[in-house]
Amino acid sequence: MTLPIITYPNKQLKVRSSEVIQFDGLLHQFLDDMFDTMMSSNGIGLAAIQVANPIRVLILCIPDEEGNQGKENLLEIINPSIHNPKGNTLYQEGCLSVPGFYEDVERYESLTLHYQNRHGEPCTLEATELLAIAIQHEIDHLDGKLFIEKLTYNRRKKFEKEYKKAQKEKK
């Protein structure tokens, strides 16, 4: 089942998500619904807060070399924490909650991620490149932050102007 994605400037996106303690059938169904929602929206990542559920859950499905996003490449990340971040890289990011806007954002180049899977088992992942960037982007959501908040003052003003213009054109 696909879930509605909440979009900027919805204040729910500012909520800091709570840790998951129940790893049950409800969580598993929610993870499956998140996957359906992300795929139907052509996303590569989705945080639970983006579908109005303030829990520390995110999913990622980075496309393979052919651009396919098979469920076998799906990462279900619960209660994540970043360790050993290294380097800096600039990447043009977009967001399902800020549709139609893309901006260069500086992120760590590589990191180690500690998290739990859908069954509550502890996992560790070494991430670089797009995967590391996507993890940081989605964890920001869990902390109530959007990628546009990382922009410089001038780029943020440009975003606000473009956003207001896009809203007027929709009416």
N, C-alpha and C. Protein backbone atom coordinates (compact mmCIF):
# COMPACT_ATOMS: atom_id res chain seq x y z
N MET A 1 0.85 -1.18 0.00
CA MET A 1 0.00 0.00 0.00
C MET A 1 0.90 1.25 0.00
N THR A 2 0.55 2.20 -0.86
CA THR A 2 1.34 3.43 -0.85
C THR A 2 0.76 4.41 0.16
N LEU A 3 1.66 5.15 0.79
CA LEU A 3 1.30 6.11 1.83
C LEU A 3 1.50 7.52 1.30
N PRO A 4 0.71 8.49 1.79
CA PRO A 4 0.92 9.88 1.33
C PRO A 4 2.22 10.45 1.90
N ILE A 5 2.99 11.10 1.04
CA ILE A 5 4.25 11.73 1.46
C ILE A 5 3.96 13.17 1.84
N ILE A 6 4.40 13.57 3.05
CA ILE A 6 4.19 14.96 3.45
C ILE A 6 5.32 15.81 2.86
N THR A 7 4.98 17.04 2.49
CA THR A 7 5.94 17.89 1.81
C THR A 7 6.16 19.21 2.55
N TYR A 8 7.31 19.81 2.26
CA TYR A 8 7.67 21.13 2.77
C TYR A 8 6.55 22.10 2.41
N PRO A 9 6.13 23.00 3.29
CA PRO A 9 6.67 23.35 4.60
C PRO A 9 5.93 22.69 5.78
N ASN A 10 5.35 21.50 5.59
CA ASN A 10 4.63 20.81 6.66
C ASN A 10 5.50 20.70 7.92
N LYS A 11 4.98 21.17 9.03
CA LYS A 11 5.75 21.22 10.28
C LYS A 11 6.10 19.83 10.83
N GLN A 12 5.36 18.79 10.42
CA GLN A 12 5.68 17.43 10.87
C GLN A 12 7.10 17.03 10.47
N LEU A 13 7.60 17.60 9.38
CA LEU A 13 8.96 17.28 8.92
C LEU A 13 10.02 17.76 9.89
N LYS A 14 9.65 18.64 10.82
CA LYS A 14 10.58 19.18 11.81
C LYS A 14 10.66 18.32 13.08
N VAL A 15 9.79 17.32 13.17
CA VAL A 15 9.72 16.48 14.37
C VAL A 15 10.91 15.53 14.43
N ARG A 16 11.51 15.42 15.61
CA ARG A 16 12.60 14.46 15.81
C ARG A 16 11.97 13.10 16.10
N SER A 17 12.36 12.09 15.33
CA SER A 17 11.76 10.75 15.43
C SER A 17 12.23 9.99 16.67
N SER A 18 11.37 9.12 17.16
CA SER A 18 11.64 8.32 18.36
C SER A 18 12.21 6.95 17.98
N GLU A 19 12.99 6.40 18.91
CA GLU A 19 13.59 5.09 18.71
C GLU A 19 12.51 4.01 18.61
N VAL A 20 12.78 3.01 17.79
CA VAL A 20 11.87 1.87 17.62
C VAL A 20 12.19 0.84 18.70
N ILE A 21 11.14 0.37 19.40
CA ILE A 21 11.37 -0.68 20.40
C ILE A 21 10.60 -1.96 20.05
N GLN A 22 9.52 -1.84 19.29
CA GLN A 22 8.72 -3.00 18.89
C GLN A 22 9.10 -3.43 17.47
N PHE A 23 9.66 -4.62 17.34
CA PHE A 23 10.00 -5.16 16.02
C PHE A 23 8.98 -6.26 15.71
N ASP A 24 7.79 -5.85 15.27
CA ASP A 24 6.69 -6.78 15.12
C ASP A 24 6.08 -6.71 13.72
N GLY A 25 4.97 -7.42 13.55
CA GLY A 25 4.28 -7.45 12.26
C GLY A 25 3.84 -6.08 11.78
N LEU A 26 3.46 -5.21 12.72
CA LEU A 26 3.06 -3.85 12.33
C LEU A 26 4.24 -3.11 11.70
N LEU A 27 5.41 -3.25 12.30
CA LEU A 27 6.61 -2.61 11.75
C LEU A 27 6.93 -3.20 10.37
N HIS A 28 6.84 -4.51 10.24
CA HIS A 28 7.14 -5.17 8.96
C HIS A 28 6.18 -4.69 7.86
N GLN A 29 4.90 -4.57 8.18
CA GLN A 29 3.92 -4.07 7.21
C GLN A 29 4.24 -2.63 6.83
N PHE A 30 4.60 -1.82 7.83
CA PHE A 30 4.95 -0.42 7.58
C PHE A 30 6.17 -0.33 6.66
N LEU A 31 7.19 -1.17 6.91
CA LEU A 31 8.38 -1.18 6.04
C LEU A 31 8.00 -1.55 4.61
N ASP A 32 7.13 -2.53 4.44
CA ASP A 32 6.67 -2.93 3.10
C ASP A 32 5.92 -1.78 2.43
N ASP A 33 5.07 -1.08 3.19
CA ASP A 33 4.33 0.07 2.65
C ASP A 33 5.28 1.20 2.28
N MET A 34 6.32 1.41 3.11
CA MET A 34 7.32 2.44 2.79
C MET A 34 8.01 2.12 1.46
N PHE A 35 8.35 0.85 1.25
CA PHE A 35 9.00 0.43 -0.01
C PHE A 35 8.08 0.72 -1.19
N ASP A 36 6.81 0.33 -1.10
CA ASP A 36 5.85 0.60 -2.19
C ASP A 36 5.75 2.09 -2.46
N THR A 37 5.71 2.88 -1.40
CA THR A 37 5.59 4.34 -1.52
C THR A 37 6.82 4.92 -2.21
N MET A 38 8.01 4.50 -1.76
CA MET A 38 9.26 5.01 -2.34
C MET A 38 9.35 4.65 -3.83
N MET A 39 9.03 3.40 -4.17
CA MET A 39 9.14 2.96 -5.56
C MET A 39 8.12 3.70 -6.44
N SER A 40 6.91 3.91 -5.94
CA SER A 40 5.90 4.58 -6.76
C SER A 40 6.21 6.07 -6.93
N SER A 41 7.12 6.59 -6.09
CA SER A 41 7.51 8.00 -6.17
C SER A 41 8.87 8.19 -6.84
N ASN A 42 9.45 7.10 -7.34
CA ASN A 42 10.78 7.12 -7.98
C ASN A 42 11.87 7.65 -7.05
N GLY A 43 11.80 7.29 -5.78
CA GLY A 43 12.82 7.71 -4.83
C GLY A 43 13.87 6.63 -4.63
N ILE A 44 14.99 7.03 -4.01
CA ILE A 44 16.01 6.03 -3.65
C ILE A 44 16.08 5.88 -2.12
N GLY A 45 15.37 6.75 -1.41
CA GLY A 45 15.36 6.68 0.05
C GLY A 45 14.09 7.31 0.58
N LEU A 46 13.69 6.84 1.77
CA LEU A 46 12.49 7.39 2.40
C LEU A 46 12.63 7.20 3.91
N ALA A 47 12.36 8.27 4.64
CA ALA A 47 12.36 8.20 6.11
C ALA A 47 10.91 8.12 6.58
N ALA A 48 10.69 7.40 7.68
CA ALA A 48 9.33 7.21 8.19
C ALA A 48 8.59 8.53 8.42
N ILE A 49 9.30 9.56 8.86
CA ILE A 49 8.67 10.85 9.14
C ILE A 49 8.07 11.45 7.86
N GLN A 50 8.61 11.09 6.70
CA GLN A 50 8.08 11.62 5.44
C GLN A 50 6.69 11.07 5.12
N VAL A 51 6.32 9.98 5.78
CA VAL A 51 4.96 9.45 5.64
C VAL A 51 4.24 9.57 6.98
N ALA A 52 4.62 10.63 7.72
CA ALA A 52 3.95 11.07 8.95
C ALA A 52 4.05 10.07 10.11
N ASN A 53 5.11 9.26 10.14
CA ASN A 53 5.33 8.35 11.26
C ASN A 53 6.67 8.70 11.91
N PRO A 54 6.66 9.35 13.07
CA PRO A 54 7.91 9.84 13.68
C PRO A 54 8.72 8.77 14.43
N ILE A 55 9.12 7.72 13.70
CA ILE A 55 9.97 6.68 14.28
C ILE A 55 11.29 6.62 13.51
N ARG A 56 12.35 6.15 14.17
CA ARG A 56 13.70 6.15 13.58
C ARG A 56 13.85 4.98 12.61
N VAL A 57 13.18 5.12 11.47
CA VAL A 57 13.19 4.11 10.42
C VAL A 57 13.43 4.80 9.09
N LEU A 58 14.30 4.22 8.29
CA LEU A 58 14.49 4.70 6.93
C LEU A 58 14.76 3.50 6.03
N ILE A 59 14.46 3.68 4.77
CA ILE A 59 14.77 2.65 3.79
C ILE A 59 15.56 3.29 2.65
N LEU A 60 16.42 2.48 2.04
CA LEU A 60 17.22 2.93 0.90
C LEU A 60 17.27 1.82 -0.12
N CYS A 61 17.20 2.22 -1.38
CA CYS A 61 17.36 1.25 -2.46
C CYS A 61 18.12 1.96 -3.58
N ILE A 62 19.45 1.84 -3.51
CA ILE A 62 20.31 2.51 -4.49
C ILE A 62 20.27 1.71 -5.79
N PRO A 63 20.00 2.38 -6.93
CA PRO A 63 19.94 1.65 -8.20
C PRO A 63 21.27 0.98 -8.55
N ASP A 64 21.20 -0.19 -9.21
CA ASP A 64 22.42 -0.86 -9.66
C ASP A 64 22.91 -0.19 -10.95
N GLU A 65 23.95 -0.77 -11.56
CA GLU A 65 24.56 -0.17 -12.77
C GLU A 65 23.55 0.04 -13.89
N GLU A 66 22.55 -0.82 -13.97
CA GLU A 66 21.53 -0.69 -15.04
C GLU A 66 20.38 0.24 -14.62
N GLY A 67 20.45 0.75 -13.41
CA GLY A 67 19.39 1.64 -12.94
C GLY A 67 18.22 0.92 -12.30
N ASN A 68 18.36 -0.39 -12.06
CA ASN A 68 17.28 -1.16 -11.44
C ASN A 68 17.32 -1.05 -9.92
N GLN A 69 16.15 -1.03 -9.32
CA GLN A 69 16.04 -0.97 -7.86
C GLN A 69 15.29 -2.19 -7.36
N GLY A 70 15.95 -3.34 -7.40
CA GLY A 70 15.30 -4.57 -6.95
C GLY A 70 15.22 -4.62 -5.44
N LYS A 71 14.21 -5.34 -4.96
CA LYS A 71 14.02 -5.46 -3.52
C LYS A 71 15.22 -6.14 -2.86
N GLU A 72 16.00 -6.90 -3.63
CA GLU A 72 17.20 -7.54 -3.06
C GLU A 72 18.26 -6.51 -2.67
N ASN A 73 18.18 -5.29 -3.20
CA ASN A 73 19.12 -4.22 -2.86
C ASN A 73 18.57 -3.29 -1.78
N LEU A 74 17.38 -3.61 -1.26
CA LEU A 74 16.73 -2.76 -0.27
C LEU A 74 17.43 -2.85 1.08
N LEU A 75 17.69 -1.68 1.67
CA LEU A 75 18.21 -1.61 3.04
C LEU A 75 17.13 -1.06 3.93
N GLU A 76 16.76 -1.81 4.95
CA GLU A 76 15.81 -1.35 5.96
C GLU A 76 16.63 -1.02 7.20
N ILE A 77 16.67 0.26 7.53
CA ILE A 77 17.58 0.76 8.57
C ILE A 77 16.76 1.33 9.72
N ILE A 78 16.93 0.72 10.89
CA ILE A 78 16.16 1.11 12.07
C ILE A 78 17.11 1.53 13.17
N ASN A 79 16.79 2.64 13.84
CA ASN A 79 17.62 3.19 14.92
C ASN A 79 19.09 3.37 14.49
N PRO A 80 19.32 4.10 13.38
CA PRO A 80 20.68 4.25 12.86
C PRO A 80 21.54 5.20 13.68
N SER A 81 22.85 4.94 13.65
CA SER A 81 23.82 5.90 14.19
C SER A 81 25.08 5.84 13.34
N ILE A 82 25.60 7.04 13.04
CA ILE A 82 26.78 7.18 12.18
C ILE A 82 28.04 7.18 13.04
N HIS A 83 29.04 6.44 12.58
CA HIS A 83 30.34 6.39 13.24
C HIS A 83 31.45 6.58 12.20
N ASN A 84 32.59 7.08 12.64
CA ASN A 84 33.78 7.25 11.78
C ASN A 84 33.51 7.96 10.46
N PRO A 85 32.82 9.11 10.47
CA PRO A 85 32.63 9.82 9.20
C PRO A 85 33.97 10.36 8.71
N LYS A 86 34.20 10.26 7.39
CA LYS A 86 35.47 10.73 6.81
C LYS A 86 35.24 11.49 5.52
N GLY A 87 36.10 12.48 5.29
CA GLY A 87 36.11 13.20 4.01
C GLY A 87 34.86 14.04 3.79
N ASN A 88 34.91 14.83 2.74
CA ASN A 88 33.76 15.64 2.34
C ASN A 88 33.53 15.49 0.86
N THR A 89 32.28 15.53 0.46
CA THR A 89 31.94 15.45 -0.94
C THR A 89 30.71 16.32 -1.20
N LEU A 90 30.60 16.81 -2.41
CA LEU A 90 29.47 17.64 -2.81
C LEU A 90 28.60 16.82 -3.76
N TYR A 91 27.30 16.79 -3.49
CA TYR A 91 26.41 15.99 -4.33
C TYR A 91 25.09 16.73 -4.51
N GLN A 92 24.55 16.66 -5.73
CA GLN A 92 23.27 17.32 -5.97
C GLN A 92 22.14 16.44 -5.44
N GLU A 93 21.45 16.94 -4.42
CA GLU A 93 20.40 16.17 -3.77
C GLU A 93 19.02 16.71 -4.12
N GLY A 94 18.07 15.79 -4.08
CA GLY A 94 16.67 16.12 -4.19
C GLY A 94 15.97 15.41 -3.05
N CYS A 95 14.65 15.63 -2.92
CA CYS A 95 13.94 15.04 -1.79
C CYS A 95 12.47 14.87 -2.16
N LEU A 96 11.90 13.72 -1.82
CA LEU A 96 10.48 13.49 -2.09
C LEU A 96 9.59 14.46 -1.33
N SER A 97 10.10 15.03 -0.22
CA SER A 97 9.32 16.00 0.55
C SER A 97 9.54 17.44 0.09
N VAL A 98 10.48 17.63 -0.83
CA VAL A 98 10.72 18.96 -1.43
C VAL A 98 10.77 18.73 -2.95
N PRO A 99 9.61 18.33 -3.53
CA PRO A 99 9.61 17.91 -4.94
C PRO A 99 10.03 19.01 -5.91
N GLY A 100 10.83 18.61 -6.91
CA GLY A 100 11.21 19.52 -7.98
C GLY A 100 12.41 20.39 -7.69
N PHE A 101 13.03 20.25 -6.51
CA PHE A 101 14.18 21.08 -6.18
C PHE A 101 15.42 20.22 -5.97
N TYR A 102 16.52 20.66 -6.56
CA TYR A 102 17.79 19.94 -6.45
C TYR A 102 18.88 20.96 -6.14
N GLU A 103 19.70 20.65 -5.17
CA GLU A 103 20.79 21.56 -4.79
C GLU A 103 22.01 20.76 -4.36
N ASP A 104 23.19 21.33 -4.57
CA ASP A 104 24.43 20.72 -4.10
C ASP A 104 24.52 20.84 -2.59
N VAL A 105 24.80 19.71 -1.94
CA VAL A 105 24.92 19.66 -0.48
C VAL A 105 26.24 18.97 -0.15
N GLU A 106 26.93 19.52 0.86
CA GLU A 106 28.18 18.90 1.30
C GLU A 106 27.88 17.86 2.37
N ARG A 107 28.45 16.67 2.19
CA ARG A 107 28.23 15.55 3.12
C ARG A 107 29.57 14.84 3.35
N TYR A 108 29.57 13.93 4.34
CA TYR A 108 30.74 13.06 4.52
C TYR A 108 30.83 12.12 3.33
N GLU A 109 32.07 11.79 2.96
CA GLU A 109 32.32 10.91 1.82
C GLU A 109 32.12 9.44 2.18
N SER A 110 32.48 9.08 3.42
CA SER A 110 32.32 7.69 3.85
C SER A 110 31.97 7.67 5.34
N LEU A 111 31.37 6.56 5.75
CA LEU A 111 30.96 6.42 7.15
C LEU A 111 30.71 4.95 7.48
N THR A 112 30.65 4.68 8.77
CA THR A 112 30.22 3.37 9.25
C THR A 112 28.86 3.58 9.89
N LEU A 113 27.93 2.72 9.55
CA LEU A 113 26.58 2.83 10.08
C LEU A 113 26.26 1.65 10.98
N HIS A 114 25.79 1.95 12.18
CA HIS A 114 25.27 0.91 13.09
C HIS A 114 23.76 1.08 13.09
N TYR A 115 23.03 -0.03 12.95
CA TYR A 115 21.57 0.03 12.91
C TYR A 115 21.00 -1.34 13.25
N GLN A 116 19.67 -1.42 13.25
CA GLN A 116 19.00 -2.69 13.44
C GLN A 116 18.18 -2.99 12.20
N ASN A 117 18.02 -4.28 11.89
CA ASN A 117 17.18 -4.67 10.76
C ASN A 117 15.73 -4.84 11.24
N ARG A 118 14.86 -5.31 10.36
CA ARG A 118 13.43 -5.41 10.70
C ARG A 118 13.15 -6.36 11.85
N HIS A 119 14.10 -7.22 12.17
CA HIS A 119 13.92 -8.17 13.27
C HIS A 119 14.61 -7.70 14.55
N GLY A 120 15.20 -6.49 14.52
CA GLY A 120 15.85 -5.95 15.70
C GLY A 120 17.29 -6.40 15.86
N GLU A 121 17.81 -7.13 14.86
CA GLU A 121 19.20 -7.62 14.95
C GLU A 121 20.17 -6.50 14.63
N PRO A 122 21.27 -6.39 15.40
CA PRO A 122 22.24 -5.34 15.14
C PRO A 122 23.01 -5.60 13.84
N CYS A 123 23.24 -4.53 13.09
CA CYS A 123 23.94 -4.61 11.81
C CYS A 123 24.96 -3.48 11.72
N THR A 124 26.00 -3.69 10.92
CA THR A 124 27.00 -2.66 10.64
C THR A 124 27.20 -2.62 9.14
N LEU A 125 27.38 -1.42 8.63
CA LEU A 125 27.53 -1.22 7.20
C LEU A 125 28.60 -0.16 6.96
N GLU A 126 29.51 -0.43 6.03
CA GLU A 126 30.48 0.57 5.59
C GLU A 126 29.89 1.21 4.34
N ALA A 127 29.75 2.53 4.34
CA ALA A 127 29.11 3.20 3.21
C ALA A 127 30.01 4.28 2.62
N THR A 128 30.02 4.35 1.29
CA THR A 128 30.74 5.40 0.57
C THR A 128 29.82 5.91 -0.55
N GLU A 129 30.25 6.99 -1.18
CA GLU A 129 29.59 7.55 -2.36
C GLU A 129 28.11 7.80 -2.12
N LEU A 130 27.27 7.44 -3.10
CA LEU A 130 25.84 7.75 -3.04
C LEU A 130 25.17 7.12 -1.81
N LEU A 131 25.57 5.91 -1.44
CA LEU A 131 24.96 5.27 -0.28
C LEU A 131 25.23 6.08 0.99
N ALA A 132 26.46 6.55 1.18
CA ALA A 132 26.80 7.36 2.36
C ALA A 132 26.00 8.66 2.36
N ILE A 133 25.87 9.27 1.19
CA ILE A 133 25.12 10.53 1.07
C ILE A 133 23.65 10.30 1.40
N ALA A 134 23.06 9.25 0.84
CA ALA A 134 21.64 8.95 1.06
C ALA A 134 21.37 8.65 2.54
N ILE A 135 22.28 7.92 3.18
CA ILE A 135 22.12 7.62 4.61
C ILE A 135 22.08 8.92 5.41
N GLN A 136 23.01 9.83 5.13
CA GLN A 136 23.05 11.10 5.86
C GLN A 136 21.78 11.93 5.62
N HIS A 137 21.32 11.94 4.37
CA HIS A 137 20.11 12.69 4.01
C HIS A 137 18.91 12.16 4.79
N GLU A 138 18.75 10.84 4.82
CA GLU A 138 17.59 10.25 5.50
C GLU A 138 17.69 10.38 7.02
N ILE A 139 18.90 10.24 7.58
CA ILE A 139 19.05 10.42 9.03
C ILE A 139 18.74 11.86 9.42
N ASP A 140 19.08 12.81 8.55
CA ASP A 140 18.70 14.21 8.81
C ASP A 140 17.18 14.31 8.99
N HIS A 141 16.42 13.59 8.14
CA HIS A 141 14.95 13.59 8.28
C HIS A 141 14.55 13.11 9.68
N LEU A 142 15.21 12.05 10.15
CA LEU A 142 14.86 11.49 11.46
C LEU A 142 15.15 12.50 12.58
N ASP A 143 16.08 13.42 12.30
CA ASP A 143 16.42 14.46 13.27
C ASP A 143 15.63 15.75 13.05
N GLY A 144 14.66 15.71 12.11
CA GLY A 144 13.81 16.88 11.86
C GLY A 144 14.45 17.93 10.97
N LYS A 145 15.41 17.51 10.13
CA LYS A 145 16.11 18.47 9.25
C LYS A 145 15.91 18.10 7.78
N LEU A 146 15.83 19.13 6.94
CA LEU A 146 15.73 18.95 5.50
C LEU A 146 17.03 19.40 4.83
N PHE A 147 17.31 18.86 3.66
CA PHE A 147 18.56 19.19 2.98
C PHE A 147 18.67 20.68 2.65
N ILE A 148 17.55 21.36 2.48
CA ILE A 148 17.60 22.79 2.16
C ILE A 148 18.15 23.61 3.32
N GLU A 149 18.12 23.05 4.53
CA GLU A 149 18.67 23.75 5.69
C GLU A 149 20.20 23.77 5.66
N LYS A 150 20.80 22.94 4.82
CA LYS A 150 22.26 22.88 4.72
C LYS A 150 22.80 23.87 3.68
N LEU A 151 21.90 24.56 2.98
CA LEU A 151 22.33 25.49 1.93
C LEU A 151 22.90 26.76 2.54
N THR A 152 23.76 27.42 1.76
CA THR A 152 24.28 28.72 2.19
C THR A 152 23.11 29.72 2.21
N TYR A 153 23.32 30.83 2.87
CA TYR A 153 22.27 31.85 2.99
C TYR A 153 21.72 32.25 1.62
N ASN A 154 22.61 32.55 0.67
CA ASN A 154 22.15 33.00 -0.65
C ASN A 154 21.40 31.90 -1.40
N ARG A 155 21.88 30.66 -1.31
CA ARG A 155 21.20 29.56 -2.00
C ARG A 155 19.86 29.26 -1.34
N ARG A 156 19.78 29.46 -0.03
CA ARG A 156 18.52 29.24 0.68
C ARG A 156 17.51 30.30 0.24
N LYS A 157 17.95 31.55 0.11
CA LYS A 157 17.06 32.63 -0.35
C LYS A 157 16.56 32.32 -1.77
N LYS A 158 17.46 31.82 -2.62
CA LYS A 158 17.09 31.46 -3.99
C LYS A 158 16.03 30.34 -3.96
N PHE A 159 16.24 29.34 -3.09
CA PHE A 159 15.27 28.26 -2.95
C PHE A 159 13.90 28.81 -2.54
N GLU A 160 13.88 29.66 -1.50
CA GLU A 160 12.62 30.22 -1.00
C GLU A 160 11.87 30.96 -2.12
N LYS A 161 12.63 31.72 -2.92
CA LYS A 161 12.04 32.48 -4.03
C LYS A 161 11.45 31.52 -5.08
N GLU A 162 12.23 30.50 -5.46
CA GLU A 162 11.76 29.52 -6.44
C GLU A 162 10.56 28.74 -5.91
N TYR A 163 10.59 28.41 -4.62
CA TYR A 163 9.50 27.66 -4.01
C TYR A 163 8.20 28.47 -4.06
N LYS A 164 8.28 29.75 -3.67
CA LYS A 164 7.08 30.62 -3.68
C LYS A 164 6.55 30.75 -5.11
N LYS A 165 7.46 30.88 -6.07
CA LYS A 165 7.05 31.01 -7.48
C LYS A 165 6.34 29.72 -7.93
N ALA A 166 6.90 28.56 -7.57
CA ALA A 166 6.30 27.28 -7.95
C ALA A 166 4.92 27.11 -7.32
N GLN A 167 4.75 27.59 -6.08
CA GLN A 167 3.44 27.48 -5.41
C GLN A 167 2.40 28.35 -6.11
N LYS A 168 2.82 29.54 -6.56
CA LYS A 168 1.90 30.43 -7.27
C LYS A 168 1.46 29.81 -8.59
N GLU A 169 2.42 29.15 -9.29
CA GLU A 169 2.12 28.56 -10.59
C GLU A 169 1.16 27.38 -10.46
N LYS A 170 1.15 26.72 -9.30
CA LYS A 170 0.24 25.59 -9.07
C LYS A 170 -1.19 26.03 -8.93
N LYS A 171 -1.40 27.28 -8.47
CA LYS A 171 -2.77 27.75 -8.19
C LYS A 171 -3.52 28.16 -9.42
